[in-house]
Amino acid sequence: MTKALILLVTGAVALLVTGAPGIASAQTPTAVGTVTAVSGNVTVTRLAAAPQRLKIRDTLYSRDVVEARKDGIARILLGGKTTVTVRELSRLELREEVRADGVRYTLELVAGKVRASVARALMGPGEQVEVRTRNAVASVRGTDFIVETGERPAPRRAFGLLAGREVAEGIHGGAARSEETVVVTLSGVVEVANGLEAMGRAERVGAYETARISGQGEPIRLQIQGDDVKSLLKGLTPVRPHEATTTGPSSK
């Protein structure tokens, strides 16, 4: 074997050895949150694995899908700065994107209802939290808000909540596009836009206001009353620690 060939083979082996850790690390999922409370039937699906029962103190990773079935509820601490409550009959995918201007945490709400409470004082420069449905985007840096979505148009109510039947059907509705999204701001400001319209108008929804997006339409903003808040929070009350479910197989 000539000296040149020996050097070529040695270099190729060195490249494979040094490159392997980089490849492995690129495939390692990023931890984005921790389960702080869970009750009832809630599962997590990771990559191509089968769904596992969600447990308190489980670590959640980017691209994990959390699904709360009938009577299930979970509370997640996202990035150490945002508390996310997942109501029953809801499916949510977690994502983290590191960008040049900061980290973006995305909650992809396929169906159902979530509440997100963002601690503005803890947010770093450029950090952002957004909730996406199939026809809406709600972006914030620090606020307390609720997002609900369903697969089909639902009867309109006084302050824009969706009917429970549409939300329940949405969890296993397949490829049908969601046409109804409601965003309710409890404190702070949420910027709401139609995710299907690249040039659509963004609506700034303040405290005690709600925005409803139907299909490809622009957000319609309405006021809500203080008495409505109790109804808005129904099913979103975080479970107490002693009520949390700690049995079942680990999701790790």
Protein backbone atom coordinates (compact mmCIF):
# COMPACT_ATOMS: atom_id res chain seq x y z
CA MET A 1 0.00 0.00 0.00
CA THR A 2 1.48 3.34 -1.02
CA LYS A 3 2.02 6.14 1.46
CA ALA A 4 -0.61 8.30 -0.27
CA LEU A 5 -3.22 5.54 -0.01
CA ILE A 6 -2.44 4.98 3.67
CA LEU A 7 -2.92 8.68 4.38
CA LEU A 8 -6.22 8.68 2.46
CA VAL A 9 -7.60 5.71 4.41
CA THR A 10 -6.45 7.18 7.73
CA GLY A 11 -8.12 10.49 6.95
CA ALA A 12 -11.40 8.82 5.99
CA VAL A 13 -11.47 6.80 9.23
CA ALA A 14 -10.74 9.92 11.29
CA LEU A 15 -13.57 11.78 9.54
CA LEU A 16 -16.04 9.00 10.33
CA VAL A 17 -14.97 8.83 13.97
CA THR A 18 -15.13 12.58 14.58
CA GLY A 19 -18.34 12.95 12.60
CA ALA A 20 -20.28 10.27 14.44
CA PRO A 21 -20.89 12.24 17.67
CA GLY A 22 -22.19 15.16 15.67
CA ILE A 23 -24.63 12.94 13.85
CA ALA A 24 -25.78 11.33 17.09
CA SER A 25 -26.26 14.68 18.81
CA ALA A 26 -28.24 16.01 15.86
CA GLN A 27 -30.68 13.15 16.33
CA THR A 28 -30.97 13.61 20.08
CA PRO A 29 -34.31 15.28 20.91
CA THR A 30 -34.24 18.58 22.76
CA ALA A 31 -35.83 18.68 26.22
CA VAL A 32 -38.41 21.48 26.25
CA GLY A 33 -40.50 20.94 29.37
CA THR A 34 -41.48 19.00 32.47
CA VAL A 35 -44.83 17.57 33.55
CA THR A 36 -45.80 19.22 36.83
CA ALA A 37 -49.28 17.72 37.24
CA VAL A 38 -51.39 15.10 35.49
CA SER A 39 -54.70 13.41 36.20
CA GLY A 40 -56.81 10.97 34.23
CA ASN A 41 -56.04 9.52 30.81
CA VAL A 42 -53.18 11.53 29.29
CA THR A 43 -50.56 10.09 26.93
CA VAL A 44 -47.37 11.23 25.21
CA THR A 45 -46.19 10.02 21.81
CA ARG A 46 -42.50 10.41 20.94
CA LEU A 47 -41.24 10.01 17.37
CA ALA A 48 -42.53 6.70 15.97
CA ALA A 49 -43.02 5.04 19.36
CA ALA A 50 -46.39 3.93 20.70
CA PRO A 51 -48.21 6.33 23.06
CA GLN A 52 -47.17 6.07 26.72
CA ARG A 53 -49.08 7.16 29.80
CA LEU A 54 -47.91 10.61 30.89
CA LYS A 55 -46.57 10.84 34.44
CA ILE A 56 -45.74 13.67 36.79
CA ARG A 57 -42.09 14.79 36.53
CA ASP A 58 -41.71 13.27 33.05
CA THR A 59 -39.42 15.21 30.73
CA LEU A 60 -40.97 16.30 27.44
CA TYR A 61 -39.02 16.80 24.24
CA SER A 62 -39.40 18.79 21.06
CA ARG A 63 -41.91 17.05 18.73
CA ASP A 64 -43.60 15.18 21.58
CA VAL A 65 -47.37 14.93 21.18
CA VAL A 66 -49.47 15.16 24.36
CA GLU A 67 -53.05 13.93 24.19
CA ALA A 68 -55.58 14.33 26.99
CA ARG A 69 -58.56 12.05 26.55
CA LYS A 70 -61.91 12.11 28.35
CA ASP A 71 -61.48 13.41 31.93
CA GLY A 72 -57.73 13.84 31.41
CA ILE A 73 -55.82 17.02 32.26
CA ALA A 74 -52.12 17.87 32.38
CA ARG A 75 -49.95 20.82 33.36
CA ILE A 76 -46.56 21.36 31.72
CA LEU A 77 -43.75 23.77 32.57
CA LEU A 78 -42.38 24.78 29.16
CA GLY A 79 -38.84 26.12 29.02
CA GLY A 80 -39.00 26.92 32.73
CA LYS A 81 -41.06 30.04 31.90
CA THR A 82 -44.48 29.06 30.58
CA THR A 83 -47.17 27.01 32.31
CA VAL A 84 -49.35 25.13 29.83
CA THR A 85 -52.58 23.45 30.92
CA VAL A 86 -53.96 20.85 28.51
CA ARG A 87 -57.67 20.23 28.86
CA GLU A 88 -59.47 16.94 28.22
CA LEU A 89 -60.13 16.01 24.58
CA SER A 90 -57.07 17.94 23.43
CA ARG A 91 -54.02 17.05 21.36
CA LEU A 92 -50.89 19.20 21.46
CA GLU A 93 -47.45 18.97 19.82
CA LEU A 94 -44.50 20.73 21.48
CA ARG A 95 -41.72 22.32 19.45
CA GLU A 96 -38.63 24.40 20.14
CA GLU A 97 -36.83 26.40 17.46
CA VAL A 98 -33.53 28.13 18.15
CA ARG A 99 -33.26 31.18 15.89
CA ALA A 100 -30.72 33.96 15.51
CA ASP A 101 -32.95 36.39 17.43
CA GLY A 102 -33.95 33.99 20.22
CA VAL A 103 -35.82 30.80 21.06
CA ARG A 104 -39.37 30.20 19.84
CA TYR A 105 -41.57 27.69 21.68
CA THR A 106 -44.48 26.50 19.56
CA LEU A 107 -47.58 24.69 20.80
CA GLU A 108 -49.27 23.05 17.81
CA LEU A 109 -52.88 22.59 18.96
CA VAL A 110 -54.44 19.97 16.69
CA ALA A 111 -57.73 19.94 18.58
CA GLY A 112 -59.13 20.95 21.94
CA LYS A 113 -58.24 23.68 24.40
CA VAL A 114 -55.13 24.88 26.24
CA ARG A 115 -54.22 27.69 28.58
CA ALA A 116 -50.74 29.23 28.48
CA SER A 117 -49.39 31.52 31.20
CA VAL A 118 -46.12 33.13 30.11
CA ALA A 119 -43.83 34.72 32.73
CA ARG A 120 -42.67 37.83 30.89
CA ALA A 121 -40.04 38.66 33.52
CA LEU A 122 -38.27 35.37 32.78
CA MET A 123 -38.30 35.66 28.99
CA GLY A 124 -34.91 36.26 27.38
CA PRO A 125 -34.22 38.63 24.47
CA GLY A 126 -36.09 37.48 21.39
CA GLU A 127 -37.82 34.57 23.14
CA GLN A 128 -41.39 33.97 22.07
CA VAL A 129 -44.25 31.56 22.72
CA GLU A 130 -46.87 30.89 20.09
CA VAL A 131 -49.88 28.63 19.81
CA ARG A 132 -50.72 27.42 16.32
CA THR A 133 -53.89 25.77 15.11
CA ARG A 134 -54.68 24.79 11.54
CA ASN A 135 -56.01 28.24 10.77
CA ALA A 136 -54.59 30.60 13.41
CA VAL A 137 -51.41 31.80 15.08
CA ALA A 138 -51.38 33.42 18.55
CA SER A 139 -48.00 34.95 19.48
CA VAL A 140 -46.91 36.37 22.83
CA ARG A 141 -43.88 37.27 24.94
CA GLY A 142 -45.66 37.43 28.28
CA THR A 143 -49.35 37.02 29.02
CA ASP A 144 -52.10 34.63 30.14
CA PHE A 145 -54.40 33.33 27.42
CA ILE A 146 -56.60 30.46 26.22
CA VAL A 147 -56.78 28.91 22.75
CA GLU A 148 -59.50 26.52 21.61
CA THR A 149 -59.93 24.93 18.20
CA GLY A 150 -62.27 22.45 16.52
CA GLU A 151 -62.52 20.67 13.18
CA ARG A 152 -65.77 22.22 11.97
CA PRO A 153 -67.70 25.46 12.52
CA ALA A 154 -69.49 25.38 15.86
CA PRO A 155 -72.50 27.32 17.15
CA ARG A 156 -71.48 30.82 18.20
CA ARG A 157 -71.79 31.65 21.88
CA ALA A 158 -71.78 34.89 23.80
CA PHE A 159 -68.01 35.01 24.08
CA GLY A 160 -66.97 32.70 21.26
CA LEU A 161 -66.29 29.29 22.85
CA LEU A 162 -66.58 26.23 20.65
CA ALA A 163 -69.07 23.46 21.27
CA GLY A 164 -67.68 20.37 22.99
CA ARG A 165 -68.83 17.92 20.28
CA GLU A 166 -66.70 19.54 17.57
CA VAL A 167 -63.65 19.55 19.84
CA ALA A 168 -64.08 15.87 20.71
CA GLU A 169 -64.47 14.89 17.06
CA GLY A 170 -61.41 16.93 16.17
CA ILE A 171 -58.98 14.71 18.09
CA HIS A 172 -59.38 11.83 15.64
CA GLY A 173 -60.70 13.81 12.69
CA GLY A 174 -57.88 12.90 10.30
CA ALA A 175 -56.85 15.36 7.62
CA ALA A 176 -59.89 17.65 7.76
CA ARG A 177 -58.79 21.26 8.13
CA SER A 178 -59.71 23.07 11.31
CA GLU A 179 -61.94 26.02 10.54
CA GLU A 180 -62.67 27.45 13.96
CA THR A 181 -60.24 28.92 16.49
CA VAL A 182 -60.96 31.08 19.52
CA VAL A 183 -58.30 33.02 21.44
CA VAL A 184 -59.14 34.56 24.82
CA THR A 185 -56.73 36.93 26.58
CA LEU A 186 -56.92 36.94 30.38
CA SER A 187 -54.01 39.36 30.88
CA GLY A 188 -51.46 41.07 28.65
CA VAL A 189 -51.74 41.18 24.86
CA VAL A 190 -51.87 38.37 22.29
CA GLU A 191 -51.23 38.95 18.59
CA VAL A 192 -53.65 36.80 16.58
CA ALA A 193 -53.53 36.17 12.83
CA ASN A 194 -54.95 33.68 10.35
CA GLY A 195 -52.28 31.07 9.70
CA LEU A 196 -53.75 30.26 6.28
CA GLU A 197 -53.36 33.82 4.98
CA ALA A 198 -49.74 34.95 4.57
CA MET A 199 -50.75 38.60 4.12
CA GLY A 200 -53.66 38.56 6.56
CA ARG A 201 -54.25 41.19 9.23
CA ALA A 202 -52.96 40.56 12.75
CA GLU A 203 -55.25 41.55 15.62
CA ARG A 204 -53.90 42.61 19.01
CA VAL A 205 -56.21 41.07 21.59
CA GLY A 206 -55.99 42.63 25.04
CA ALA A 207 -57.16 41.53 28.47
CA TYR A 208 -60.82 40.46 28.65
CA GLU A 209 -61.04 40.32 24.86
CA THR A 210 -61.51 37.36 22.54
CA ALA A 211 -60.77 36.80 18.85
CA ARG A 212 -62.50 34.23 16.69
CA ILE A 213 -61.16 33.01 13.35
CA SER A 214 -63.44 31.06 11.01
CA GLY A 215 -61.80 29.28 8.08
CA GLN A 216 -59.68 31.73 6.10
CA GLY A 217 -61.36 34.78 7.58
CA GLU A 218 -59.64 37.52 9.55
CA PRO A 219 -59.86 37.52 13.36
CA ILE A 220 -62.99 39.09 14.81
CA ARG A 221 -62.39 40.72 18.20
CA LEU A 222 -65.04 40.88 20.93
CA GLN A 223 -65.19 41.99 24.56
CA ILE A 224 -65.92 39.54 27.37
CA GLN A 225 -67.27 40.23 30.84
CA GLY A 226 -65.75 39.35 34.19
CA ASP A 227 -68.56 36.87 34.84
CA ASP A 228 -67.53 34.94 31.72
CA VAL A 229 -64.07 34.11 33.07
CA LYS A 230 -65.32 31.27 35.28
CA SER A 231 -66.90 29.58 32.27
CA LEU A 232 -63.80 30.19 30.17
CA LEU A 233 -61.61 28.46 32.75
CA LYS A 234 -63.88 25.44 33.08
CA GLY A 235 -61.83 22.27 32.69
CA LEU A 236 -58.55 24.21 32.88
CA THR A 237 -58.10 24.28 36.65
CA PRO A 238 -54.68 22.73 37.34
CA VAL A 239 -54.85 19.55 39.38
CA ARG A 240 -53.48 19.70 42.92
CA PRO A 241 -50.30 17.71 43.65
CA HIS A 242 -52.05 15.06 45.73
CA GLU A 243 -54.49 14.47 42.88
CA ALA A 244 -51.77 13.85 40.30
CA THR A 245 -51.58 10.42 38.76
CA THR A 246 -48.21 8.76 39.36
CA THR A 247 -48.95 5.21 38.26
CA GLY A 248 -48.42 3.59 34.87
CA PRO A 249 -45.40 3.05 32.63
CA SER A 250 -42.85 5.80 32.20
CA SER A 251 -42.85 7.82 28.99
CA LYS A 252 -39.07 7.78 28.86
